[in-house]
Each structure stands twice: as C-alpha cells, then as structure tokens.
N, C-alpha and C. Protein backbone atom coordinates (compact mmCIF):
# COMPACT_ATOMS: atom_id res chain seq x y z
N ILE A 1 -14.03 -11.54 17.39
CA ILE A 1 -13.25 -11.97 18.54
C ILE A 1 -12.26 -13.04 18.09
N GLU A 2 -11.02 -12.85 18.48
CA GLU A 2 -9.96 -13.80 18.13
C GLU A 2 -9.78 -14.88 19.18
N ASP A 3 -9.90 -14.51 20.45
CA ASP A 3 -9.68 -15.49 21.51
C ASP A 3 -10.30 -14.97 22.81
N VAL A 4 -10.53 -15.89 23.75
CA VAL A 4 -11.10 -15.54 25.05
C VAL A 4 -10.39 -16.39 26.11
N TYR A 5 -10.02 -15.75 27.21
CA TYR A 5 -9.36 -16.43 28.32
C TYR A 5 -10.00 -15.98 29.62
N PRO A 6 -10.04 -16.83 30.63
CA PRO A 6 -10.51 -16.36 31.94
C PRO A 6 -9.46 -15.44 32.56
N CYS A 7 -9.91 -14.50 33.34
CA CYS A 7 -8.97 -13.65 34.07
C CYS A 7 -8.41 -14.45 35.25
N THR A 8 -7.19 -14.13 35.60
CA THR A 8 -6.59 -14.75 36.78
C THR A 8 -7.12 -14.05 38.02
N PRO A 9 -7.03 -14.68 39.17
CA PRO A 9 -7.43 -14.00 40.41
C PRO A 9 -6.67 -12.68 40.61
N LEU A 10 -5.40 -12.64 40.22
CA LEU A 10 -4.63 -11.40 40.34
C LEU A 10 -5.25 -10.30 39.48
N GLN A 11 -5.59 -10.62 38.24
CA GLN A 11 -6.20 -9.62 37.36
C GLN A 11 -7.52 -9.12 37.94
N GLU A 12 -8.34 -10.04 38.43
CA GLU A 12 -9.62 -9.63 39.02
C GLU A 12 -9.40 -8.76 40.25
N GLY A 13 -8.41 -9.11 41.06
CA GLY A 13 -8.11 -8.31 42.24
C GLY A 13 -7.66 -6.91 41.88
N LEU A 14 -6.81 -6.80 40.87
CA LEU A 14 -6.34 -5.48 40.44
C LEU A 14 -7.49 -4.64 39.89
N MET A 15 -8.40 -5.27 39.16
CA MET A 15 -9.55 -4.53 38.64
C MET A 15 -10.46 -4.08 39.78
N ALA A 16 -10.64 -4.92 40.79
CA ALA A 16 -11.47 -4.54 41.94
C ALA A 16 -10.87 -3.34 42.65
N ILE A 17 -9.57 -3.34 42.85
CA ILE A 17 -8.91 -2.21 43.50
C ILE A 17 -9.05 -0.95 42.65
N THR A 18 -8.92 -1.10 41.35
CA THR A 18 -9.01 0.06 40.45
C THR A 18 -10.39 0.70 40.49
N THR A 19 -11.44 -0.10 40.70
CA THR A 19 -12.78 0.50 40.79
C THR A 19 -12.94 1.31 42.07
N GLN A 20 -12.19 0.94 43.11
CA GLN A 20 -12.27 1.65 44.39
C GLN A 20 -11.28 2.81 44.48
N GLN A 21 -10.16 2.67 43.78
CA GLN A 21 -9.11 3.69 43.78
C GLN A 21 -8.78 4.05 42.33
N PRO A 22 -9.57 4.95 41.73
CA PRO A 22 -9.34 5.28 40.32
C PRO A 22 -7.88 5.66 40.05
N GLY A 23 -7.33 5.04 39.03
CA GLY A 23 -5.95 5.30 38.66
C GLY A 23 -4.98 4.26 39.17
N ALA A 24 -5.39 3.49 40.19
CA ALA A 24 -4.51 2.45 40.72
C ALA A 24 -4.33 1.38 39.66
N TYR A 25 -3.11 0.97 39.47
CA TYR A 25 -2.76 -0.11 38.54
C TYR A 25 -3.10 0.20 37.08
N ILE A 26 -3.19 1.46 36.75
CA ILE A 26 -3.39 1.86 35.36
C ILE A 26 -2.16 2.64 34.94
N GLY A 27 -1.52 2.17 33.89
CA GLY A 27 -0.33 2.86 33.38
C GLY A 27 -0.66 3.64 32.12
N ARG A 28 -0.34 4.91 32.13
CA ARG A 28 -0.53 5.74 30.94
C ARG A 28 0.73 6.56 30.75
N TRP A 29 1.17 6.63 29.53
CA TRP A 29 2.35 7.40 29.21
C TRP A 29 2.01 8.36 28.08
N VAL A 30 2.50 9.57 28.21
CA VAL A 30 2.30 10.58 27.18
C VAL A 30 3.66 10.96 26.64
N PHE A 31 3.79 10.91 25.33
CA PHE A 31 5.05 11.24 24.68
C PHE A 31 4.83 12.41 23.73
N ARG A 32 5.79 13.27 23.69
CA ARG A 32 5.76 14.38 22.73
C ARG A 32 6.46 13.89 21.46
N ILE A 33 5.78 14.00 20.35
CA ILE A 33 6.34 13.55 19.07
C ILE A 33 7.07 14.72 18.43
N HIS A 34 8.29 14.49 18.05
CA HIS A 34 9.10 15.53 17.42
C HIS A 34 8.46 15.98 16.12
N LYS A 35 8.58 17.26 15.82
CA LYS A 35 7.91 17.82 14.65
C LYS A 35 8.41 17.23 13.33
N THR A 36 9.57 16.59 13.32
CA THR A 36 10.07 16.00 12.08
C THR A 36 9.51 14.60 11.80
N VAL A 37 8.78 14.05 12.76
CA VAL A 37 8.20 12.71 12.57
C VAL A 37 7.04 12.80 11.58
N GLU A 38 7.04 11.90 10.62
CA GLU A 38 5.95 11.82 9.64
C GLU A 38 4.76 11.15 10.32
N ILE A 39 3.74 11.93 10.63
CA ILE A 39 2.61 11.46 11.42
C ILE A 39 1.88 10.30 10.75
N VAL A 40 1.65 10.36 9.46
CA VAL A 40 0.95 9.28 8.76
C VAL A 40 1.73 7.98 8.88
N ALA A 41 3.03 8.02 8.67
CA ALA A 41 3.87 6.82 8.79
C ALA A 41 3.89 6.32 10.23
N PHE A 42 3.91 7.23 11.18
CA PHE A 42 3.89 6.85 12.60
C PHE A 42 2.60 6.11 12.93
N LYS A 43 1.46 6.64 12.48
CA LYS A 43 0.18 5.98 12.73
C LYS A 43 0.13 4.61 12.07
N GLU A 44 0.64 4.51 10.86
CA GLU A 44 0.66 3.22 10.16
C GLU A 44 1.52 2.20 10.92
N ALA A 45 2.67 2.63 11.42
CA ALA A 45 3.54 1.74 12.19
C ALA A 45 2.85 1.30 13.48
N TRP A 46 2.18 2.23 14.13
CA TRP A 46 1.48 1.90 15.37
C TRP A 46 0.36 0.90 15.09
N ASN A 47 -0.39 1.12 14.01
CA ASN A 47 -1.46 0.19 13.65
C ASN A 47 -0.92 -1.20 13.33
N LEU A 48 0.22 -1.28 12.67
CA LEU A 48 0.85 -2.57 12.38
C LEU A 48 1.24 -3.28 13.68
N LEU A 49 1.80 -2.53 14.60
CA LEU A 49 2.17 -3.10 15.90
C LEU A 49 0.94 -3.66 16.62
N ILE A 50 -0.14 -2.92 16.62
CA ILE A 50 -1.37 -3.38 17.27
C ILE A 50 -1.91 -4.63 16.59
N ARG A 51 -1.92 -4.65 15.26
CA ARG A 51 -2.41 -5.84 14.53
C ARG A 51 -1.59 -7.08 14.85
N ASN A 52 -0.29 -6.93 15.06
CA ASN A 52 0.61 -8.07 15.26
C ASN A 52 0.85 -8.43 16.73
N THR A 53 0.24 -7.71 17.66
CA THR A 53 0.48 -7.94 19.08
C THR A 53 -0.85 -8.12 19.81
N PRO A 54 -1.26 -9.37 20.03
CA PRO A 54 -2.57 -9.62 20.63
C PRO A 54 -2.83 -8.91 21.97
N ILE A 55 -1.82 -8.78 22.81
CA ILE A 55 -2.06 -8.14 24.11
C ILE A 55 -2.52 -6.69 23.95
N LEU A 56 -2.15 -6.05 22.85
CA LEU A 56 -2.59 -4.67 22.61
C LEU A 56 -4.03 -4.61 22.10
N ARG A 57 -4.59 -5.76 21.79
CA ARG A 57 -5.99 -5.85 21.36
C ARG A 57 -6.83 -6.60 22.39
N THR A 58 -6.29 -6.76 23.59
CA THR A 58 -6.99 -7.51 24.63
C THR A 58 -7.76 -6.57 25.54
N ARG A 59 -8.98 -6.93 25.81
CA ARG A 59 -9.84 -6.16 26.70
C ARG A 59 -10.26 -7.08 27.85
N ILE A 60 -10.44 -6.53 29.02
CA ILE A 60 -10.99 -7.30 30.13
C ILE A 60 -12.46 -6.92 30.24
N VAL A 61 -13.29 -7.95 30.22
CA VAL A 61 -14.74 -7.75 30.24
C VAL A 61 -15.30 -8.35 31.52
N ALA A 62 -16.08 -7.57 32.23
CA ALA A 62 -16.68 -8.05 33.47
C ALA A 62 -17.77 -9.06 33.15
N GLY A 63 -17.65 -10.24 33.74
CA GLY A 63 -18.66 -11.27 33.55
C GLY A 63 -19.78 -11.13 34.56
N GLU A 64 -20.95 -11.62 34.20
CA GLU A 64 -22.09 -11.51 35.10
C GLU A 64 -22.10 -12.62 36.15
N GLN A 65 -21.65 -13.83 35.78
CA GLN A 65 -21.74 -14.95 36.71
C GLN A 65 -20.39 -15.61 36.97
N ASP A 66 -19.60 -15.80 35.97
CA ASP A 66 -18.38 -16.60 36.09
C ASP A 66 -17.10 -15.77 36.19
N GLY A 67 -17.20 -14.54 36.61
CA GLY A 67 -16.02 -13.71 36.71
C GLY A 67 -15.69 -13.02 35.41
N SER A 68 -14.58 -12.35 35.40
CA SER A 68 -14.18 -11.56 34.24
C SER A 68 -13.39 -12.41 33.25
N ILE A 69 -13.39 -11.94 32.01
CA ILE A 69 -12.66 -12.64 30.95
C ILE A 69 -11.78 -11.66 30.19
N GLN A 70 -10.74 -12.20 29.58
CA GLN A 70 -9.89 -11.43 28.68
C GLN A 70 -10.36 -11.75 27.26
N VAL A 71 -10.66 -10.73 26.50
CA VAL A 71 -11.14 -10.92 25.14
C VAL A 71 -10.14 -10.27 24.19
N VAL A 72 -9.60 -11.08 23.28
CA VAL A 72 -8.69 -10.57 22.25
C VAL A 72 -9.55 -10.27 21.03
N VAL A 73 -9.66 -9.00 20.68
CA VAL A 73 -10.47 -8.61 19.53
C VAL A 73 -9.62 -8.59 18.27
N ARG A 74 -10.25 -8.86 17.14
CA ARG A 74 -9.50 -8.86 15.87
C ARG A 74 -9.17 -7.43 15.43
N GLN A 75 -10.12 -6.55 15.58
CA GLN A 75 -9.92 -5.17 15.17
C GLN A 75 -9.79 -4.30 16.40
N PRO A 76 -8.78 -3.46 16.44
CA PRO A 76 -8.65 -2.56 17.60
C PRO A 76 -9.80 -1.57 17.65
N ILE A 77 -10.10 -1.13 18.84
CA ILE A 77 -11.13 -0.11 19.02
C ILE A 77 -10.59 1.21 18.46
N ALA A 78 -11.45 1.94 17.78
CA ALA A 78 -11.03 3.20 17.17
C ALA A 78 -10.50 4.16 18.23
N ARG A 79 -9.44 4.83 17.89
CA ARG A 79 -8.87 5.81 18.81
C ARG A 79 -9.66 7.12 18.72
N VAL A 80 -9.76 7.75 19.86
CA VAL A 80 -10.46 9.03 19.95
C VAL A 80 -9.44 10.14 19.96
N GLN A 81 -9.75 11.21 19.27
CA GLN A 81 -8.85 12.35 19.25
C GLN A 81 -9.44 13.45 20.12
N GLY A 82 -8.57 14.26 20.69
CA GLY A 82 -9.03 15.35 21.53
C GLY A 82 -8.13 16.57 21.37
N HIS A 83 -8.58 17.67 21.94
CA HIS A 83 -7.83 18.92 21.81
C HIS A 83 -7.11 19.31 23.10
N CYS A 84 -7.57 18.79 24.23
CA CYS A 84 -6.95 19.10 25.52
C CYS A 84 -6.50 17.78 26.14
N LEU A 85 -5.20 17.59 26.28
CA LEU A 85 -4.66 16.33 26.75
C LEU A 85 -5.21 15.93 28.11
N GLN A 86 -5.21 16.83 29.09
CA GLN A 86 -5.65 16.46 30.43
C GLN A 86 -7.12 16.07 30.46
N GLN A 87 -7.97 16.81 29.74
CA GLN A 87 -9.38 16.45 29.68
C GLN A 87 -9.57 15.09 29.02
N TYR A 88 -8.82 14.84 27.97
CA TYR A 88 -8.87 13.55 27.27
C TYR A 88 -8.49 12.41 28.21
N LEU A 89 -7.39 12.56 28.94
CA LEU A 89 -6.94 11.52 29.86
C LEU A 89 -7.93 11.32 31.01
N ASP A 90 -8.42 12.42 31.58
CA ASP A 90 -9.36 12.33 32.70
C ASP A 90 -10.66 11.67 32.27
N LYS A 91 -11.17 12.04 31.10
CA LYS A 91 -12.42 11.48 30.61
C LYS A 91 -12.26 9.98 30.33
N GLY A 92 -11.15 9.60 29.73
CA GLY A 92 -10.91 8.19 29.44
C GLY A 92 -10.87 7.35 30.70
N LEU A 93 -10.17 7.81 31.71
CA LEU A 93 -10.07 7.09 32.97
C LEU A 93 -11.43 7.02 33.66
N ALA A 94 -12.14 8.14 33.70
CA ALA A 94 -13.45 8.16 34.34
C ALA A 94 -14.42 7.21 33.65
N THR A 95 -14.36 7.14 32.34
CA THR A 95 -15.24 6.23 31.59
C THR A 95 -14.94 4.79 31.94
N LEU A 96 -13.66 4.42 31.95
CA LEU A 96 -13.29 3.04 32.29
C LEU A 96 -13.75 2.67 33.69
N ILE A 97 -13.51 3.55 34.64
CA ILE A 97 -13.87 3.26 36.03
C ILE A 97 -15.38 3.12 36.17
N SER A 98 -16.15 4.01 35.54
CA SER A 98 -17.61 3.94 35.68
C SER A 98 -18.17 2.66 35.06
N ILE A 99 -17.62 2.23 33.94
CA ILE A 99 -18.07 0.98 33.32
C ILE A 99 -17.80 -0.19 34.26
N TRP A 100 -16.61 -0.22 34.83
CA TRP A 100 -16.27 -1.32 35.74
C TRP A 100 -17.11 -1.29 37.00
N ARG A 101 -17.40 -0.14 37.53
CA ARG A 101 -18.22 -0.06 38.75
C ARG A 101 -19.63 -0.58 38.49
N GLU A 102 -20.15 -0.32 37.29
CA GLU A 102 -21.50 -0.75 36.95
C GLU A 102 -21.59 -2.25 36.71
N THR A 103 -20.54 -2.85 36.18
CA THR A 103 -20.64 -4.23 35.72
C THR A 103 -19.82 -5.24 36.51
N TYR A 104 -18.90 -4.79 37.34
CA TYR A 104 -17.93 -5.71 37.93
C TYR A 104 -18.44 -6.34 39.21
N THR A 105 -18.42 -7.64 39.28
CA THR A 105 -18.71 -8.40 40.48
C THR A 105 -17.59 -9.41 40.67
N PRO A 106 -16.72 -9.22 41.65
CA PRO A 106 -15.61 -10.16 41.82
C PRO A 106 -16.11 -11.58 42.06
N SER A 107 -15.47 -12.55 41.44
CA SER A 107 -15.90 -13.94 41.58
C SER A 107 -15.03 -14.72 42.55
N TYR A 108 -13.99 -14.09 43.07
CA TYR A 108 -13.04 -14.83 43.89
C TYR A 108 -13.28 -14.67 45.38
N TYR A 109 -14.27 -13.90 45.81
CA TYR A 109 -14.53 -13.71 47.25
C TYR A 109 -15.28 -14.89 47.82
C-alpha cells in the first residue's frame, strides 16, 4: 500500500447509490484497437501510465466502522482477459456491486 485517504461524503454517497442502482456512476469505455497497433508496446505503455498515475491504482474499500477509505496500491491488480466482451463487462460490474453490497455500510447517515 502506497497511501490511504478517507473517502469524502460525496464518494460514499455515490458508492451507496451504485449498490442500489448497478451501473450508476460507473464509467466504462471500450475502444477498438487498430490492427496495426503493436499490442506488446501498447500494454507496456499502459502499464507505465498506471505505475506513474496513483489515481489509476486507487481502490475504494468499504470500512467496517469508520466509513470507506481510498487505498492507493503500489502494484496494480492483474487484468483479466476474456473472450466475450459483454460477458466480461457484465461479470466485472456484477462482481463489484456484490462486493459492495456485502461490505458497505454508509457512515454519513
């Protein structure tokens, strides 16, 4: 772990809404990579960007007593590969929502 910060009330509110309305306040973009792009170089560039940009390594973790926290991890979480884009996106969103529903208790109410 590189750093830890408390979540703001706005962040906690957005996470609470997202647990009730899956997909709310979650941004996902899918880009088609041109066939001439060197995939290995692209992955290396993306990894460099992640290493040098803390917000891309930040996770929000539901706290048990004192609310949620933002955790900046040193190493990014391994990316998962899939064969069907829609199933991959749906599974990822469902996993995030289920984790938050199990662990999230808003501290600002």
